[in-house]
Amino acid sequence: MLLLALFLPRLALADPDFWAHAWPRTDFSKTDVAFTEIMSGGVQKDQIPAIDNPLFIPVADADHLKPTEPVIGVVIDGVAKAYPLQVLMWHEIVNDVIAGVPITVTFCPLCNASLVFDRRIQHPEKGEMVLDFGTTGKLRNSDLVMYDRQTESWWQQFLGQAIVGELLGAELKMIPVRIESFAKFKERMPDGQVLVPNDNSVRKYGVNPYRGYDSLPQPWLYQGAFPDPVAPLSRVVVAEGKAWALDFLRASKRIETDDGLILEWEKGQNSALDASLIGEGVDIGNVTARRKKADGYEDILYTVDFAFAHYAFHPETPIIHK
């Protein structure tokens, strides 16, 4: 259904008067992006359904996951949950609460962007708001455009920023997480929980509907420039305003900067976007990003995204590749 967008009239895709039929609550007079940058992903509002009442099982009972399958591992105040990409592939957004913190776990397959946000924002008039999110069916730079159900403002998943609507300019706080294999999560958090589908018959969980995507010469539904000299669909590791090609980190195994940032790579995690079954995808490895402290190490915020997406949103940040 994503490819349907290629056959839709371009004017309709970029016309807020056209959008307003499905989005009567969205204030299209407020935006800081060109509407021509926003296109249909071939699906309608909430047709990719967010999960609002997530169901979990103990990590010890999750025998349906292969050890090398990718999960987003979230730990807040000692409470640990794993969100498998085999579930997020079909839902893209999970609204949840961990240790009293309302969070949104997101995954955009077309950008390989796994990001987790605190759902609380400070509104200048309303004070603290707790938002929950759904999918618009729209893309910008091939990246998921979310919406909040409280104001129906549109948000760029890659940035965690409101780009259209009442909450224009608001930003969500990103939460440091690990994109890791299930085995890695299980090893470090043996008492953790694992997200499972609310209804296992609704989607083909474990199947990758984007087979071979990360081997393509260029991404779908993207009209921007490409980075040089790395391939558009190669992966980059981004931390603290710097970006490294995943291939460079894989060859180095460990990168330590002068200010104490440590990136490490270890084999044993499938690509979610390679083989027909996620658990059989090519090994892209596990990345950790930490910083030295007086009493040890702490995890820091990092992402592993496709190079074209990093370049689209952060063209000023060069990709270190050798």
C-alpha atoms as a PDB file:
ATOM      1  CA  MET A   1       0.000   0.000   0.000  1.00  0.00           C
ATOM      2  CA  LEU A   2       2.960   2.316   0.455  1.00  0.00           C
ATOM      3  CA  LEU A   3       3.541   2.393  -3.289  1.00  0.00           C
ATOM      4  CA  LEU A   4      -0.006   3.675  -3.829  1.00  0.00           C
ATOM      5  CA  ALA A   5       1.317   7.138  -2.991  1.00  0.00           C
ATOM      6  CA  LEU A   6       3.345   7.152  -6.193  1.00  0.00           C
ATOM      7  CA  PHE A   7       0.150   7.181  -8.242  1.00  0.00           C
ATOM      8  CA  LEU A   8      -1.777   9.815  -6.279  1.00  0.00           C
ATOM      9  CA  PRO A   9      -1.968  13.383  -7.600  1.00  0.00           C
ATOM     10  CA  ARG A  10       0.876  15.378  -6.149  1.00  0.00           C
ATOM     11  CA  LEU A  11      -1.390  18.373  -5.480  1.00  0.00           C
ATOM     12  CA  ALA A  12      -3.680  16.268  -3.319  1.00  0.00           C
ATOM     13  CA  LEU A  13      -0.733  15.024  -1.314  1.00  0.00           C
ATOM     14  CA  ALA A  14       0.403  18.555  -0.460  1.00  0.00           C
ATOM     15  CA  ASP A  15      -2.927  20.349  -0.104  1.00  0.00           C
ATOM     16  CA  PRO A  16      -4.102  21.037   3.482  1.00  0.00           C
ATOM     17  CA  ASP A  17      -7.620  21.708   2.182  1.00  0.00           C
ATOM     18  CA  PHE A  18      -7.629  18.142   0.902  1.00  0.00           C
ATOM     19  CA  TRP A  19      -6.167  16.826   4.179  1.00  0.00           C
ATOM     20  CA  ALA A  20      -8.693  18.740   6.287  1.00  0.00           C
ATOM     21  CA  HIS A  21     -11.469  16.300   5.384  1.00  0.00           C
ATOM     22  CA  ALA A  22      -9.719  13.623   7.451  1.00  0.00           C
ATOM     23  CA  TRP A  23      -8.082  16.093   9.850  1.00  0.00           C
ATOM     24  CA  PRO A  24     -10.692  18.699  10.859  1.00  0.00           C
ATOM     25  CA  ARG A  25      -8.962  19.328  14.217  1.00  0.00           C
ATOM     26  CA  THR A  26      -5.489  19.953  12.788  1.00  0.00           C
ATOM     27  CA  ASP A  27      -4.528  23.627  12.496  1.00  0.00           C
ATOM     28  CA  PHE A  28      -2.829  23.671   9.099  1.00  0.00           C
ATOM     29  CA  SER A  29      -2.177  27.421   9.374  1.00  0.00           C
ATOM     30  CA  LYS A  30       0.673  26.578  11.742  1.00  0.00           C
ATOM     31  CA  THR A  31       3.660  24.842  10.191  1.00  0.00           C
ATOM     32  CA  ASP A  32       7.399  25.299   9.812  1.00  0.00           C
ATOM     33  CA  VAL A  33       7.839  22.893   6.879  1.00  0.00           C
ATOM     34  CA  ALA A  34       6.733  23.073   3.272  1.00  0.00           C
ATOM     35  CA  PHE A  35       3.611  20.992   2.709  1.00  0.00           C
ATOM     36  CA  THR A  36       5.177  19.779  -0.543  1.00  0.00           C
ATOM     37  CA  GLU A  37       7.658  17.829   1.607  1.00  0.00           C
ATOM     38  CA  ILE A  38       4.839  15.733   3.097  1.00  0.00           C
ATOM     39  CA  MET A  39       3.465  12.838   1.052  1.00  0.00           C
ATOM     40  CA  SER A  40       1.144   9.923   1.561  1.00  0.00           C
ATOM     41  CA  GLY A  41       2.620   6.599   2.585  1.00  0.00           C
ATOM     42  CA  GLY A  42      -0.289   4.883   0.852  1.00  0.00           C
ATOM     43  CA  VAL A  43      -2.281   4.370   4.053  1.00  0.00           C
ATOM     44  CA  GLN A  44      -4.813   6.480   5.921  1.00  0.00           C
ATOM     45  CA  LYS A  45      -4.896   7.846   9.442  1.00  0.00           C
ATOM     46  CA  ASP A  46      -4.441   5.024  11.996  1.00  0.00           C
ATOM     47  CA  GLN A  47      -4.483   2.371   9.266  1.00  0.00           C
ATOM     48  CA  ILE A  48      -1.169   1.359  10.796  1.00  0.00           C
ATOM     49  CA  PRO A  49      -2.621   1.020  14.305  1.00  0.00           C
ATOM     50  CA  ALA A  50      -0.653   2.191  17.314  1.00  0.00           C
ATOM     51  CA  ILE A  51      -0.719  -0.053  20.393  1.00  0.00           C
ATOM     52  CA  ASP A  52      -2.374   1.695  23.334  1.00  0.00           C
ATOM     53  CA  ASN A  53      -2.827  -1.126  25.829  1.00  0.00           C
ATOM     54  CA  PRO A  54       0.411  -3.076  25.475  1.00  0.00           C
ATOM     55  CA  LEU A  55       0.620  -6.660  26.689  1.00  0.00           C
ATOM     56  CA  PHE A  56       3.817  -8.104  28.164  1.00  0.00           C
ATOM     57  CA  ILE A  57       5.179 -11.460  29.255  1.00  0.00           C
ATOM     58  CA  PRO A  58       8.250 -12.273  31.372  1.00  0.00           C
ATOM     59  CA  VAL A  59      11.477 -12.408  29.401  1.00  0.00           C
ATOM     60  CA  ALA A  60      11.917 -16.053  30.424  1.00  0.00           C
ATOM     61  CA  ASP A  61       8.656 -16.964  28.669  1.00  0.00           C
ATOM     62  CA  ALA A  62       9.429 -15.249  25.347  1.00  0.00           C
ATOM     63  CA  ASP A  63      10.499 -18.412  23.546  1.00  0.00           C
ATOM     64  CA  HIS A  64       8.900 -17.200  20.302  1.00  0.00           C
ATOM     65  CA  LEU A  65      11.793 -14.793  19.756  1.00  0.00           C
ATOM     66  CA  LYS A  66      15.082 -15.924  18.283  1.00  0.00           C
ATOM     67  CA  PRO A  67      18.119 -14.845  20.337  1.00  0.00           C
ATOM     68  CA  THR A  68      19.369 -12.599  17.533  1.00  0.00           C
ATOM     69  CA  GLU A  69      16.074 -10.827  16.849  1.00  0.00           C
ATOM     70  CA  PRO A  70      16.190  -7.037  17.345  1.00  0.00           C
ATOM     71  CA  VAL A  71      14.383  -5.368  20.211  1.00  0.00           C
ATOM     72  CA  ILE A  72      14.302  -1.867  21.653  1.00  0.00           C
ATOM     73  CA  GLY A  73      15.424  -2.276  25.254  1.00  0.00           C
ATOM     74  CA  VAL A  74      14.060   0.400  27.599  1.00  0.00           C
ATOM     75  CA  VAL A  75      15.102   0.646  31.251  1.00  0.00           C
ATOM     76  CA  ILE A  76      13.711   3.359  33.535  1.00  0.00           C
ATOM     77  CA  ASP A  77      14.370   3.351  37.286  1.00  0.00           C
ATOM     78  CA  GLY A  78      15.255  -0.329  37.125  1.00  0.00           C
ATOM     79  CA  VAL A  79      12.080  -1.369  35.285  1.00  0.00           C
ATOM     80  CA  ALA A  80      12.984  -3.041  31.975  1.00  0.00           C
ATOM     81  CA  LYS A  81      10.872  -3.734  28.905  1.00  0.00           C
ATOM     82  CA  ALA A  82      11.804  -5.036  25.463  1.00  0.00           C
ATOM     83  CA  TYR A  83       9.820  -3.992  22.385  1.00  0.00           C
ATOM     84  CA  PRO A  84      10.546  -6.443  19.526  1.00  0.00           C
ATOM     85  CA  LEU A  85      10.767  -4.981  16.056  1.00  0.00           C
ATOM     86  CA  GLN A  86       8.670  -7.925  14.851  1.00  0.00           C
ATOM     87  CA  VAL A  87       5.742  -6.196  16.617  1.00  0.00           C
ATOM     88  CA  LEU A  88       6.700  -2.591  15.923  1.00  0.00           C
ATOM     89  CA  MET A  89       7.100  -3.425  12.234  1.00  0.00           C
ATOM     90  CA  TRP A  90       3.290  -3.635  12.014  1.00  0.00           C
ATOM     91  CA  HIS A  91       2.290  -0.921  14.500  1.00  0.00           C
ATOM     92  CA  GLU A  92       5.172   1.613  14.489  1.00  0.00           C
ATOM     93  CA  ILE A  93       3.997   3.215  17.768  1.00  0.00           C
ATOM     94  CA  VAL A  94       3.440   1.870  21.286  1.00  0.00           C
ATOM     95  CA  ASN A  95       2.037   4.180  23.968  1.00  0.00           C
ATOM     96  CA  ASP A  96       3.139   2.845  27.338  1.00  0.00           C
ATOM     97  CA  VAL A  97       4.143   3.743  30.905  1.00  0.00           C
ATOM     98  CA  ILE A  98       7.332   2.545  32.604  1.00  0.00           C
ATOM     99  CA  ALA A  99       8.017   3.287  36.280  1.00  0.00           C
ATOM    100  CA  GLY A 100       5.427   6.051  36.173  1.00  0.00           C
ATOM    101  CA  VAL A 101       6.937   7.666  33.061  1.00  0.00           C
ATOM    102  CA  PRO A 102       4.579   7.882  30.050  1.00  0.00           C
ATOM    103  CA  ILE A 103       6.535   6.934  26.935  1.00  0.00           C
ATOM    104  CA  THR A 104       6.023   6.388  23.234  1.00  0.00           C
ATOM    105  CA  VAL A 105       8.125   3.704  21.566  1.00  0.00           C
ATOM    106  CA  THR A 106       8.434   4.258  17.816  1.00  0.00           C
ATOM    107  CA  PHE A 107       9.932   2.515  14.809  1.00  0.00           C
ATOM    108  CA  CYS A 108       9.989   3.808  11.242  1.00  0.00           C
ATOM    109  CA  PRO A 109      10.971   0.909   8.926  1.00  0.00           C
ATOM    110  CA  LEU A 110      11.773   3.143   5.963  1.00  0.00           C
ATOM    111  CA  CYS A 111      14.382   5.064   7.986  1.00  0.00           C
ATOM    112  CA  ASN A 112      15.352   2.246  10.367  1.00  0.00           C
ATOM    113  CA  ALA A 113      14.678   4.763  13.148  1.00  0.00           C
ATOM    114  CA  SER A 114      13.985   3.302  16.609  1.00  0.00           C
ATOM    115  CA  LEU A 115      13.223   6.170  18.993  1.00  0.00           C
ATOM    116  CA  VAL A 116      11.601   6.373  22.415  1.00  0.00           C
ATOM    117  CA  PHE A 117      10.102   9.578  23.796  1.00  0.00           C
ATOM    118  CA  ASP A 118       8.740  10.903  27.076  1.00  0.00           C
ATOM    119  CA  ARG A 119       5.117  11.764  26.239  1.00  0.00           C
ATOM    120  CA  ARG A 120       5.003  14.768  28.582  1.00  0.00           C
ATOM    121  CA  ILE A 121       5.379  18.317  27.304  1.00  0.00           C
ATOM    122  CA  GLN A 122       4.966  21.733  28.875  1.00  0.00           C
ATOM    123  CA  HIS A 123       2.316  23.831  27.141  1.00  0.00           C
ATOM    124  CA  PRO A 124       2.599  27.609  27.666  1.00  0.00           C
ATOM    125  CA  GLU A 125      -1.117  27.885  28.473  1.00  0.00           C
ATOM    126  CA  LYS A 126      -2.258  24.398  29.496  1.00  0.00           C
ATOM    127  CA  GLY A 127       0.758  23.446  31.604  1.00  0.00           C
ATOM    128  CA  GLU A 128       1.884  19.834  31.521  1.00  0.00           C
ATOM    129  CA  MET A 129       0.225  17.715  28.877  1.00  0.00           C
ATOM    130  CA  VAL A 130       0.545  13.948  28.516  1.00  0.00           C
ATOM    131  CA  LEU A 131       0.168  13.060  24.868  1.00  0.00           C
ATOM    132  CA  ASP A 132      -0.504   9.788  23.151  1.00  0.00           C
ATOM    133  CA  PHE A 133       0.299   9.171  19.536  1.00  0.00           C
ATOM    134  CA  GLY A 134      -1.020   7.557  16.391  1.00  0.00           C
ATOM    135  CA  THR A 135       0.076   7.300  12.752  1.00  0.00           C
ATOM    136  CA  THR A 136      -0.979   9.875  10.156  1.00  0.00           C
ATOM    137  CA  GLY A 137      -0.193   7.676   7.156  1.00  0.00           C
ATOM    138  CA  LYS A 138       2.056  10.506   5.956  1.00  0.00           C
ATOM    139  CA  LEU A 139       5.810  10.632   5.398  1.00  0.00           C
ATOM    140  CA  ARG A 140       8.375  13.414   5.252  1.00  0.00           C
ATOM    141  CA  ASN A 141      11.836  12.499   3.993  1.00  0.00           C
ATOM    142  CA  SER A 142      10.502   8.942   4.012  1.00  0.00           C
ATOM    143  CA  ASP A 143      10.089   9.212   7.802  1.00  0.00           C
ATOM    144  CA  LEU A 144       6.983   8.513   9.869  1.00  0.00           C
ATOM    145  CA  VAL A 145       4.779  11.518  10.629  1.00  0.00           C
ATOM    146  CA  MET A 146       2.939  10.885  13.896  1.00  0.00           C
ATOM    147  CA  TYR A 147       0.053  12.818  15.420  1.00  0.00           C
ATOM    148  CA  ASP A 148      -0.981  13.408  18.996  1.00  0.00           C
ATOM    149  CA  ARG A 149      -4.583  12.595  19.832  1.00  0.00           C
ATOM    150  CA  GLN A 150      -4.982  15.571  22.162  1.00  0.00           C
ATOM    151  CA  THR A 151      -4.602  18.319  19.492  1.00  0.00           C
ATOM    152  CA  GLU A 152      -4.021  16.294  16.304  1.00  0.00           C
ATOM    153  CA  SER A 153      -0.805  18.184  15.675  1.00  0.00           C
ATOM    154  CA  TRP A 154       1.614  16.351  13.371  1.00  0.00           C
ATOM    155  CA  TRP A 155       5.040  15.287  14.641  1.00  0.00           C
ATOM    156  CA  GLN A 156       8.239  14.259  12.874  1.00  0.00           C
ATOM    157  CA  GLN A 157       9.279  10.944  14.400  1.00  0.00           C
ATOM    158  CA  PHE A 158      12.954  11.351  13.482  1.00  0.00           C
ATOM    159  CA  LEU A 159      13.210  14.607  15.434  1.00  0.00           C
ATOM    160  CA  GLY A 160      10.475  14.281  18.039  1.00  0.00           C
ATOM    161  CA  GLN A 161       9.200  17.707  16.979  1.00  0.00           C
ATOM    162  CA  ALA A 162       5.731  19.030  16.150  1.00  0.00           C
ATOM    163  CA  ILE A 163       5.816  20.302  12.560  1.00  0.00           C
ATOM    164  CA  VAL A 164       2.142  21.103  11.932  1.00  0.00           C
ATOM    165  CA  GLY A 165      -0.697  22.235  14.177  1.00  0.00           C
ATOM    166  CA  GLU A 166      -1.434  23.776  17.551  1.00  0.00           C
ATOM    167  CA  LEU A 167       1.698  22.373  19.192  1.00  0.00           C
ATOM    168  CA  LEU A 168       4.027  23.587  16.423  1.00  0.00           C
ATOM    169  CA  GLY A 169       7.605  23.764  17.702  1.00  0.00           C
ATOM    170  CA  ALA A 170       7.061  21.565  20.744  1.00  0.00           C
ATOM    171  CA  GLU A 171       9.685  18.890  21.296  1.00  0.00           C
ATOM    172  CA  LEU A 172       9.560  15.501  22.974  1.00  0.00           C
ATOM    173  CA  LYS A 173      12.443  14.408  25.187  1.00  0.00           C
ATOM    174  CA  MET A 174      14.232  11.391  23.752  1.00  0.00           C
ATOM    175  CA  ILE A 175      15.001   8.582  26.208  1.00  0.00           C
ATOM    176  CA  PRO A 176      18.294   6.659  25.951  1.00  0.00           C
ATOM    177  CA  VAL A 177      17.620   3.040  24.953  1.00  0.00           C
ATOM    178  CA  ARG A 178      19.502   0.148  23.409  1.00  0.00           C
ATOM    179  CA  ILE A 179      18.683  -1.320  20.019  1.00  0.00           C
ATOM    180  CA  GLU A 180      19.884  -4.821  20.766  1.00  0.00           C
ATOM    181  CA  SER A 181      19.325  -8.513  20.213  1.00  0.00           C
ATOM    182  CA  PHE A 182      16.812 -10.290  22.395  1.00  0.00           C
ATOM    183  CA  ALA A 183      19.662 -12.367  23.832  1.00  0.00           C
ATOM    184  CA  LYS A 184      21.504  -9.204  24.889  1.00  0.00           C
ATOM    185  CA  PHE A 185      18.411  -7.782  26.566  1.00  0.00           C
ATOM    186  CA  LYS A 186      17.688 -11.073  28.314  1.00  0.00           C
ATOM    187  CA  GLU A 187      21.260 -11.289  29.580  1.00  0.00           C
ATOM    188  CA  ARG A 188      21.324  -7.822  31.114  1.00  0.00           C
ATOM    189  CA  MET A 189      17.684  -7.727  32.252  1.00  0.00           C
ATOM    190  CA  PRO A 190      16.649 -11.301  33.192  1.00  0.00           C
ATOM    191  CA  ASP A 191      13.635  -9.996  35.140  1.00  0.00           C
ATOM    192  CA  GLY A 192      12.467  -7.792  32.284  1.00  0.00           C
ATOM    193  CA  GLN A 193       9.259  -7.992  30.289  1.00  0.00           C
ATOM    194  CA  VAL A 194       8.693  -8.427  26.561  1.00  0.00           C
ATOM    195  CA  LEU A 195       5.964  -6.852  24.442  1.00  0.00           C
ATOM    196  CA  VAL A 196       3.699  -9.359  22.685  1.00  0.00           C
ATOM    197  CA  PRO A 197       0.792  -8.724  20.272  1.00  0.00           C
ATOM    198  CA  ASN A 198      -2.615  -8.144  21.809  1.00  0.00           C
ATOM    199  CA  ASP A 199      -4.017 -10.395  19.101  1.00  0.00           C
ATOM    200  CA  ASN A 200      -1.530 -12.678  17.384  1.00  0.00           C
ATOM    201  CA  SER A 201      -3.853 -13.269  14.425  1.00  0.00           C
ATOM    202  CA  VAL A 202      -4.085  -9.630  13.339  1.00  0.00           C
ATOM    203  CA  ARG A 203      -0.672  -9.377  11.629  1.00  0.00           C
ATOM    204  CA  LYS A 204       2.069 -11.723  10.411  1.00  0.00           C
ATOM    205  CA  TYR A 205       4.337 -11.033  13.345  1.00  0.00           C
ATOM    206  CA  GLY A 206       7.894 -12.125  12.656  1.00  0.00           C
ATOM    207  CA  VAL A 207       7.515 -11.548   8.908  1.00  0.00           C
ATOM    208  CA  ASN A 208       9.320  -8.646   7.267  1.00  0.00           C
ATOM    209  CA  PRO A 209       7.033  -6.982   4.683  1.00  0.00           C
ATOM    210  CA  TYR A 210      10.016  -4.935   3.408  1.00  0.00           C
ATOM    211  CA  ARG A 211      12.120  -7.883   2.298  1.00  0.00           C
ATOM    212  CA  GLY A 212      15.480  -6.774   0.917  1.00  0.00           C
ATOM    213  CA  TYR A 213      14.824  -3.115   1.655  1.00  0.00           C
ATOM    214  CA  ASP A 214      18.182  -2.334   3.224  1.00  0.00           C
ATOM    215  CA  SER A 215      19.947  -3.731   0.135  1.00  0.00           C
ATOM    216  CA  LEU A 216      18.214  -1.392  -2.307  1.00  0.00           C
ATOM    217  CA  PRO A 217      20.231   1.314  -4.074  1.00  0.00           C
ATOM    218  CA  GLN A 218      17.879   4.018  -2.801  1.00  0.00           C
ATOM    219  CA  PRO A 219      14.925   4.352  -0.402  1.00  0.00           C
ATOM    220  CA  TRP A 220      11.239   4.468  -1.216  1.00  0.00           C
ATOM    221  CA  LEU A 221       9.198   7.651  -1.220  1.00  0.00           C
ATOM    222  CA  TYR A 222      12.182   9.942  -0.809  1.00  0.00           C
ATOM    223  CA  GLN A 223      12.972  12.944  -2.995  1.00  0.00           C
ATOM    224  CA  GLY A 224      15.905  14.504  -1.145  1.00  0.00           C
ATOM    225  CA  ALA A 225      19.653  14.439  -1.660  1.00  0.00           C
ATOM    226  CA  PHE A 226      21.855  11.497  -0.729  1.00  0.00           C
ATOM    227  CA  PRO A 227      24.910  11.504   1.526  1.00  0.00           C
ATOM    228  CA  ASP A 228      28.411  11.124   0.190  1.00  0.00           C
ATOM    229  CA  PRO A 229      30.372   8.844   0.190  1.00  0.00           C
ATOM    230  CA  VAL A 230      28.298   6.191   2.023  1.00  0.00           C
ATOM    231  CA  ALA A 231      25.363   4.304   0.484  1.00  0.00           C
ATOM    232  CA  PRO A 232      21.907   5.793   1.193  1.00  0.00           C
ATOM    233  CA  LEU A 233      20.645   2.627   2.909  1.00  0.00           C
ATOM    234  CA  SER A 234      23.786   1.910   4.880  1.00  0.00           C
ATOM    235  CA  ARG A 235      23.465   2.450   8.611  1.00  0.00           C
ATOM    236  CA  VAL A 236      24.983   5.214  10.694  1.00  0.00           C
ATOM    237  CA  VAL A 237      25.447   5.440  14.460  1.00  0.00           C
ATOM    238  CA  VAL A 238      24.683   8.889  15.837  1.00  0.00           C
ATOM    239  CA  ALA A 239      25.581  10.073  19.339  1.00  0.00           C
ATOM    240  CA  GLU A 240      26.115  13.509  20.852  1.00  0.00           C
ATOM    241  CA  GLY A 241      26.091  15.361  17.566  1.00  0.00           C
ATOM    242  CA  LYS A 242      28.475  13.058  15.697  1.00  0.00           C
ATOM    243  CA  ALA A 243      27.814  10.270  13.201  1.00  0.00           C
ATOM    244  CA  TRP A 244      29.844   7.184  12.317  1.00  0.00           C
ATOM    245  CA  ALA A 245      29.200   4.694   9.522  1.00  0.00           C
ATOM    246  CA  LEU A 246      28.190   1.380  11.064  1.00  0.00           C
ATOM    247  CA  ASP A 247      30.644  -0.384   8.735  1.00  0.00           C
ATOM    248  CA  PHE A 248      33.451   1.757  10.174  1.00  0.00           C
ATOM    249  CA  LEU A 249      32.448   0.927  13.758  1.00  0.00           C
ATOM    250  CA  ARG A 250      32.113  -2.767  12.854  1.00  0.00           C
ATOM    251  CA  ALA A 251      35.660  -2.780  11.460  1.00  0.00           C
ATOM    252  CA  SER A 252      36.990  -0.875  14.487  1.00  0.00           C
ATOM    253  CA  LYS A 253      34.928  -2.811  17.082  1.00  0.00           C
ATOM    254  CA  ARG A 254      35.453   0.059  19.546  1.00  0.00           C
ATOM    255  CA  ILE A 255      35.695   3.833  19.178  1.00  0.00           C
ATOM    256  CA  GLU A 256      36.635   6.045  22.123  1.00  0.00           C
ATOM    257  CA  THR A 257      36.677   9.821  21.801  1.00  0.00           C
ATOM    258  CA  ASP A 258      38.872  12.212  23.749  1.00  0.00           C
ATOM    259  CA  ASP A 259      35.920  13.308  25.887  1.00  0.00           C
ATOM    260  CA  GLY A 260      35.074   9.783  27.078  1.00  0.00           C
ATOM    261  CA  LEU A 261      32.379   8.653  24.636  1.00  0.00           C
ATOM    262  CA  ILE A 262      32.673   4.932  23.913  1.00  0.00           C
ATOM    263  CA  LEU A 263      31.000   3.155  20.993  1.00  0.00           C
ATOM    264  CA  GLU A 264      31.267  -0.620  20.732  1.00  0.00           C
ATOM    265  CA  TRP A 265      30.101  -3.174  18.175  1.00  0.00           C
ATOM    266  CA  GLU A 266      29.500  -6.877  18.732  1.00  0.00           C
ATOM    267  CA  LYS A 267      27.984  -9.429  16.365  1.00  0.00           C
ATOM    268  CA  GLY A 268      24.654 -11.132  16.958  1.00  0.00           C
ATOM    269  CA  GLN A 269      21.675  -9.008  15.868  1.00  0.00           C
ATOM    270  CA  ASN A 270      19.544  -9.491  12.747  1.00  0.00           C
ATOM    271  CA  SER A 271      18.546  -6.741  10.391  1.00  0.00           C
ATOM    272  CA  ALA A 272      14.765  -6.398  10.592  1.00  0.00           C
ATOM    273  CA  LEU A 273      14.625  -5.294   6.952  1.00  0.00           C
ATOM    274  CA  ASP A 274      16.600  -7.977   5.122  1.00  0.00           C
ATOM    275  CA  ALA A 275      15.124 -11.478   4.968  1.00  0.00           C
ATOM    276  CA  SER A 276      11.476 -12.539   4.748  1.00  0.00           C
ATOM    277  CA  LEU A 277      11.651 -13.585   8.392  1.00  0.00           C
ATOM    278  CA  ILE A 278      13.177 -11.048  10.759  1.00  0.00           C
ATOM    279  CA  GLY A 279      14.944 -13.770  12.713  1.00  0.00           C
ATOM    280  CA  GLU A 280      16.836 -14.810   9.582  1.00  0.00           C
ATOM    281  CA  GLY A 281      18.090 -11.351   8.588  1.00  0.00           C
ATOM    282  CA  VAL A 282      21.745 -10.586   7.956  1.00  0.00           C
ATOM    283  CA  ASP A 283      23.815  -9.938  11.084  1.00  0.00           C
ATOM    284  CA  ILE A 284      24.243  -6.169  11.548  1.00  0.00           C
ATOM    285  CA  GLY A 285      25.530  -6.523  15.114  1.00  0.00           C
ATOM    286  CA  ASN A 286      24.846  -4.819  18.427  1.00  0.00           C
ATOM    287  CA  VAL A 287      25.903  -1.266  19.180  1.00  0.00           C
ATOM    288  CA  THR A 288      26.336   0.240  22.626  1.00  0.00           C
ATOM    289  CA  ALA A 289      27.048   3.898  23.377  1.00  0.00           C
ATOM    290  CA  ARG A 290      28.334   4.791  26.823  1.00  0.00           C
ATOM    291  CA  ARG A 291      30.210   7.491  28.640  1.00  0.00           C
ATOM    292  CA  LYS A 292      32.832   7.097  31.326  1.00  0.00           C
ATOM    293  CA  LYS A 293      31.919   8.254  34.816  1.00  0.00           C
ATOM    294  CA  ALA A 294      33.903   8.369  38.021  1.00  0.00           C
ATOM    295  CA  ASP A 295      32.144   5.215  39.245  1.00  0.00           C
ATOM    296  CA  GLY A 296      31.848   3.348  35.937  1.00  0.00           C
ATOM    297  CA  TYR A 297      29.817   3.890  32.764  1.00  0.00           C
ATOM    298  CA  GLU A 298      26.386   5.198  31.799  1.00  0.00           C
ATOM    299  CA  ASP A 299      24.338   4.599  28.666  1.00  0.00           C
ATOM    300  CA  ILE A 300      23.801   7.666  26.509  1.00  0.00           C
ATOM    301  CA  LEU A 301      21.339   8.544  23.793  1.00  0.00           C
ATOM    302  CA  TYR A 302      22.247   7.106  20.395  1.00  0.00           C
ATOM    303  CA  THR A 303      20.499   6.018  17.224  1.00  0.00           C
ATOM    304  CA  VAL A 304      21.205   3.610  14.372  1.00  0.00           C
ATOM    305  CA  ASP A 305      19.529   4.990  11.265  1.00  0.00           C
ATOM    306  CA  PHE A 306      19.829   4.813   7.513  1.00  0.00           C
ATOM    307  CA  ALA A 307      22.379   7.263   6.125  1.00  0.00           C
ATOM    308  CA  PHE A 308      19.927   9.029   3.822  1.00  0.00           C
ATOM    309  CA  ALA A 309      17.598   9.820   6.737  1.00  0.00           C
ATOM    310  CA  HIS A 310      20.425  11.136   8.885  1.00  0.00           C
ATOM    311  CA  TYR A 311      21.527  13.336   5.990  1.00  0.00           C
ATOM    312  CA  ALA A 312      17.999  14.567   5.291  1.00  0.00           C
ATOM    313  CA  PHE A 313      17.498  15.829   8.835  1.00  0.00           C
ATOM    314  CA  HIS A 314      21.100  16.595   9.825  1.00  0.00           C
ATOM    315  CA  PRO A 315      22.979  17.536   6.638  1.00  0.00           C
ATOM    316  CA  GLU A 316      25.416  19.604   8.692  1.00  0.00           C
ATOM    317  CA  THR A 317      26.726  16.517  10.524  1.00  0.00           C
ATOM    318  CA  PRO A 318      29.292  14.614   8.426  1.00  0.00           C
ATOM    319  CA  ILE A 319      29.380  10.821   8.538  1.00  0.00           C
ATOM    320  CA  ILE A 320      32.750   9.521   9.736  1.00  0.00           C
ATOM    321  CA  HIS A 321      33.521   6.549   7.518  1.00  0.00           C
ATOM    322  CA  LYS A 322      37.290   5.999   7.753  1.00  0.00           C
END
